[in-house]
Amino acid sequence: MPTYQLSCTIKTVREVWEEWYYGLHGNPSVQSIENQWGARWRTDSKDHMMFSRRKVIIDKIYSQKLKLFVHIRLSHRSRRPCGLVT
């Protein structure tokens, strides 16, 4: 099981996303660690609390991305000539 602590120096939403999705400073992404190990890699209450706070941010980003995707798909659909289906 990996030992990893979430970065305490993160100050922006972009940095939260980068650590979650890509990993920072050569470390694996939080997403990959979470997918493989679940909560077992979070060893103390500080890690659990920081993870929970960041997960709220990540979930909001995913939610906004989904809304944007749906909006784009619907706007493309409304511009198609009648009778065309994709």
N, C-alpha and C. Protein backbone atom coordinates (compact mmCIF):
# COMPACT_ATOMS: atom_id res chain seq x y z
N MET A 1 0.84 -1.17 0.00
CA MET A 1 0.00 0.00 0.00
C MET A 1 0.89 1.24 0.00
N PRO A 2 0.55 2.23 -0.83
CA PRO A 2 1.40 3.42 -0.91
C PRO A 2 1.23 4.31 0.32
N THR A 3 2.28 5.03 0.63
CA THR A 3 2.17 6.07 1.65
C THR A 3 2.20 7.40 0.91
N TYR A 4 1.14 8.14 1.05
CA TYR A 4 1.03 9.43 0.36
C TYR A 4 0.24 10.37 1.24
N GLN A 5 0.74 11.59 1.36
CA GLN A 5 0.01 12.63 2.06
C GLN A 5 -0.38 13.69 1.05
N LEU A 6 -1.62 14.12 1.12
CA LEU A 6 -2.06 15.20 0.25
C LEU A 6 -1.22 16.44 0.53
N SER A 7 -0.94 17.18 -0.51
CA SER A 7 -0.09 18.36 -0.39
C SER A 7 -0.76 19.42 0.49
N CYS A 8 0.02 19.97 1.41
CA CYS A 8 -0.47 21.04 2.28
C CYS A 8 -0.24 22.41 1.67
N THR A 9 0.44 22.47 0.54
CA THR A 9 0.79 23.76 -0.06
C THR A 9 -0.18 24.19 -1.16
N ILE A 10 -1.16 23.38 -1.45
CA ILE A 10 -2.11 23.69 -2.52
C ILE A 10 -2.97 24.88 -2.13
N LYS A 11 -3.08 25.83 -3.07
CA LYS A 11 -3.85 27.04 -2.79
C LYS A 11 -4.94 27.32 -3.82
N THR A 12 -4.94 26.60 -4.94
CA THR A 12 -5.91 26.89 -5.99
C THR A 12 -6.69 25.63 -6.36
N VAL A 13 -7.84 25.85 -6.97
CA VAL A 13 -8.65 24.73 -7.45
C VAL A 13 -7.88 23.97 -8.52
N ARG A 14 -7.16 24.69 -9.35
CA ARG A 14 -6.36 24.03 -10.40
C ARG A 14 -5.34 23.06 -9.79
N GLU A 15 -4.70 23.46 -8.71
CA GLU A 15 -3.73 22.58 -8.05
C GLU A 15 -4.42 21.36 -7.44
N VAL A 16 -5.62 21.56 -6.89
CA VAL A 16 -6.39 20.42 -6.37
C VAL A 16 -6.65 19.44 -7.50
N TRP A 17 -7.09 19.96 -8.66
CA TRP A 17 -7.39 19.11 -9.82
C TRP A 17 -6.13 18.39 -10.30
N GLU A 18 -5.02 19.10 -10.37
CA GLU A 18 -3.77 18.49 -10.86
C GLU A 18 -3.31 17.37 -9.94
N GLU A 19 -3.37 17.59 -8.63
CA GLU A 19 -2.98 16.53 -7.70
C GLU A 19 -3.93 15.34 -7.83
N TRP A 20 -5.21 15.62 -7.95
CA TRP A 20 -6.21 14.56 -8.02
C TRP A 20 -6.08 13.75 -9.30
N TYR A 21 -5.95 14.45 -10.42
CA TYR A 21 -6.05 13.79 -11.72
C TYR A 21 -4.70 13.36 -12.29
N TYR A 22 -3.66 14.16 -12.06
CA TYR A 22 -2.35 13.88 -12.66
C TYR A 22 -1.29 13.46 -11.65
N GLY A 23 -1.38 13.94 -10.43
CA GLY A 23 -0.33 13.73 -9.43
C GLY A 23 0.63 14.90 -9.43
N LEU A 24 1.27 15.14 -8.32
CA LEU A 24 2.22 16.25 -8.19
C LEU A 24 3.62 15.72 -7.88
N HIS A 25 4.60 16.40 -8.42
CA HIS A 25 6.01 16.13 -8.10
C HIS A 25 6.41 14.67 -8.30
N GLY A 26 5.90 14.07 -9.38
CA GLY A 26 6.26 12.69 -9.69
C GLY A 26 5.47 11.63 -8.92
N ASN A 27 4.56 12.05 -8.07
CA ASN A 27 3.72 11.10 -7.33
C ASN A 27 2.53 10.68 -8.18
N PRO A 28 1.96 9.53 -7.87
CA PRO A 28 0.76 9.11 -8.61
C PRO A 28 -0.42 10.03 -8.26
N SER A 29 -1.42 10.02 -9.11
CA SER A 29 -2.60 10.84 -8.86
C SER A 29 -3.38 10.29 -7.67
N VAL A 30 -4.07 11.17 -6.98
CA VAL A 30 -4.92 10.75 -5.87
C VAL A 30 -6.00 9.81 -6.40
N GLN A 31 -6.51 10.11 -7.58
CA GLN A 31 -7.54 9.27 -8.19
C GLN A 31 -7.05 7.83 -8.38
N SER A 32 -5.83 7.66 -8.86
CA SER A 32 -5.31 6.30 -9.08
C SER A 32 -5.08 5.57 -7.76
N ILE A 33 -4.59 6.29 -6.75
CA ILE A 33 -4.39 5.67 -5.44
C ILE A 33 -5.74 5.27 -4.85
N GLU A 34 -6.70 6.16 -4.96
CA GLU A 34 -8.03 5.89 -4.42
C GLU A 34 -8.69 4.71 -5.14
N ASN A 35 -8.54 4.66 -6.46
CA ASN A 35 -9.12 3.56 -7.23
C ASN A 35 -8.52 2.22 -6.84
N GLN A 36 -7.22 2.20 -6.57
CA GLN A 36 -6.55 0.95 -6.25
C GLN A 36 -6.70 0.55 -4.78
N TRP A 37 -6.62 1.52 -3.87
CA TRP A 37 -6.54 1.20 -2.45
C TRP A 37 -7.75 1.64 -1.63
N GLY A 38 -8.66 2.38 -2.22
CA GLY A 38 -9.80 2.88 -1.43
C GLY A 38 -9.31 3.78 -0.31
N ALA A 39 -9.94 3.72 0.83
CA ALA A 39 -9.59 4.59 1.96
C ALA A 39 -8.38 4.09 2.75
N ARG A 40 -7.88 2.92 2.44
CA ARG A 40 -6.79 2.33 3.25
C ARG A 40 -5.52 3.17 3.24
N TRP A 41 -5.28 3.94 2.18
CA TRP A 41 -4.04 4.73 2.11
C TRP A 41 -4.11 5.98 2.98
N ARG A 42 -5.32 6.38 3.36
CA ARG A 42 -5.48 7.55 4.24
C ARG A 42 -5.34 7.07 5.67
N THR A 43 -4.19 7.33 6.27
CA THR A 43 -3.85 6.67 7.53
C THR A 43 -4.31 7.39 8.78
N ASP A 44 -4.51 8.70 8.74
CA ASP A 44 -4.94 9.38 9.96
C ASP A 44 -6.11 10.32 9.68
N SER A 45 -6.67 10.87 10.76
CA SER A 45 -7.87 11.70 10.62
C SER A 45 -7.61 12.96 9.82
N LYS A 46 -6.39 13.49 9.88
CA LYS A 46 -6.04 14.68 9.09
C LYS A 46 -6.13 14.36 7.60
N ASP A 47 -5.62 13.20 7.20
CA ASP A 47 -5.70 12.77 5.79
C ASP A 47 -7.15 12.59 5.36
N HIS A 48 -7.95 11.99 6.23
CA HIS A 48 -9.36 11.77 5.90
C HIS A 48 -10.09 13.10 5.72
N MET A 49 -9.82 14.06 6.62
CA MET A 49 -10.49 15.35 6.55
C MET A 49 -10.08 16.12 5.29
N MET A 50 -8.79 16.16 5.01
CA MET A 50 -8.30 16.87 3.83
C MET A 50 -8.83 16.22 2.56
N PHE A 51 -8.84 14.89 2.53
CA PHE A 51 -9.37 14.18 1.37
C PHE A 51 -10.84 14.54 1.16
N SER A 52 -11.62 14.51 2.23
CA SER A 52 -13.06 14.81 2.13
C SER A 52 -13.30 16.21 1.60
N ARG A 53 -12.52 17.17 2.07
CA ARG A 53 -12.67 18.55 1.60
C ARG A 53 -12.33 18.67 0.12
N ARG A 54 -11.28 18.01 -0.28
CA ARG A 54 -10.88 18.08 -1.69
C ARG A 54 -11.84 17.31 -2.58
N LYS A 55 -12.40 16.23 -2.07
CA LYS A 55 -13.36 15.45 -2.85
C LYS A 55 -14.59 16.28 -3.18
N VAL A 56 -15.00 17.16 -2.27
CA VAL A 56 -16.12 18.06 -2.54
C VAL A 56 -15.79 18.95 -3.74
N ILE A 57 -14.58 19.47 -3.78
CA ILE A 57 -14.14 20.32 -4.90
C ILE A 57 -14.11 19.51 -6.19
N ILE A 58 -13.53 18.32 -6.15
CA ILE A 58 -13.44 17.47 -7.34
C ILE A 58 -14.84 17.11 -7.84
N ASP A 59 -15.73 16.75 -6.94
CA ASP A 59 -17.10 16.42 -7.35
C ASP A 59 -17.79 17.61 -8.01
N LYS A 60 -17.54 18.80 -7.50
CA LYS A 60 -18.12 20.01 -8.09
C LYS A 60 -17.56 20.24 -9.50
N ILE A 61 -16.27 20.03 -9.67
CA ILE A 61 -15.66 20.17 -11.00
C ILE A 61 -16.30 19.17 -11.97
N TYR A 62 -16.42 17.91 -11.57
CA TYR A 62 -17.04 16.90 -12.43
C TYR A 62 -18.48 17.29 -12.77
N SER A 63 -19.20 17.79 -11.78
CA SER A 63 -20.59 18.20 -11.99
C SER A 63 -20.67 19.33 -13.01
N GLN A 64 -19.78 20.31 -12.89
CA GLN A 64 -19.78 21.43 -13.83
C GLN A 64 -19.36 20.98 -15.23
N LYS A 65 -18.40 20.07 -15.30
CA LYS A 65 -17.99 19.54 -16.60
C LYS A 65 -19.14 18.80 -17.27
N LEU A 66 -19.90 18.04 -16.49
CA LEU A 66 -21.04 17.31 -17.04
C LEU A 66 -22.11 18.28 -17.54
N LYS A 67 -22.38 19.32 -16.76
CA LYS A 67 -23.37 20.32 -17.19
C LYS A 67 -22.93 20.99 -18.48
N LEU A 68 -21.65 21.33 -18.57
CA LEU A 68 -21.13 21.96 -19.78
C LEU A 68 -21.26 21.01 -20.97
N PHE A 69 -20.91 19.74 -20.78
CA PHE A 69 -21.02 18.75 -21.86
C PHE A 69 -22.46 18.64 -22.35
N VAL A 70 -23.40 18.54 -21.41
CA VAL A 70 -24.81 18.42 -21.79
C VAL A 70 -25.26 19.68 -22.53
N HIS A 71 -24.87 20.83 -22.04
CA HIS A 71 -25.24 22.09 -22.70
C HIS A 71 -24.71 22.14 -24.13
N ILE A 72 -23.46 21.75 -24.31
CA ILE A 72 -22.86 21.75 -25.66
C ILE A 72 -23.59 20.76 -26.56
N ARG A 73 -23.85 19.55 -26.06
CA ARG A 73 -24.56 18.56 -26.87
C ARG A 73 -25.95 19.05 -27.26
N LEU A 74 -26.66 19.64 -26.33
CA LEU A 74 -28.00 20.14 -26.63
C LEU A 74 -27.97 21.30 -27.60
N SER A 75 -26.98 22.17 -27.48
CA SER A 75 -26.90 23.30 -28.40
C SER A 75 -26.57 22.82 -29.81
N HIS A 76 -25.75 21.79 -29.94
CA HIS A 76 -25.45 21.23 -31.26
C HIS A 76 -26.68 20.55 -31.85
N ARG A 77 -27.43 19.87 -31.01
CA ARG A 77 -28.63 19.17 -31.46
C ARG A 77 -29.67 20.17 -31.97
N SER A 78 -29.81 21.30 -31.29
CA SER A 78 -30.83 22.27 -31.69
C SER A 78 -30.47 23.00 -32.98
N ARG A 79 -29.21 22.95 -33.39
CA ARG A 79 -28.78 23.61 -34.63
C ARG A 79 -28.86 22.71 -35.85
N ARG A 80 -29.14 21.42 -35.65
CA ARG A 80 -29.21 20.49 -36.78
C ARG A 80 -30.49 20.70 -37.57
N PRO A 81 -30.42 20.50 -38.89
CA PRO A 81 -31.64 20.56 -39.70
C PRO A 81 -32.61 19.47 -39.28
N CYS A 82 -33.87 19.73 -39.44
CA CYS A 82 -34.91 18.75 -39.08
C CYS A 82 -34.69 17.44 -39.83
N GLY A 83 -34.94 16.35 -39.16
CA GLY A 83 -34.85 15.05 -39.79
C GLY A 83 -33.51 14.37 -39.64
N LEU A 84 -32.46 15.09 -39.26
CA LEU A 84 -31.14 14.47 -39.09
C LEU A 84 -31.00 13.99 -37.66
N VAL A 85 -30.53 12.78 -37.51
CA VAL A 85 -30.34 12.21 -36.18
C VAL A 85 -28.93 11.67 -36.11
N THR A 86 -28.24 11.97 -34.99
CA THR A 86 -26.91 11.40 -34.79
C THR A 86 -26.83 10.72 -33.46
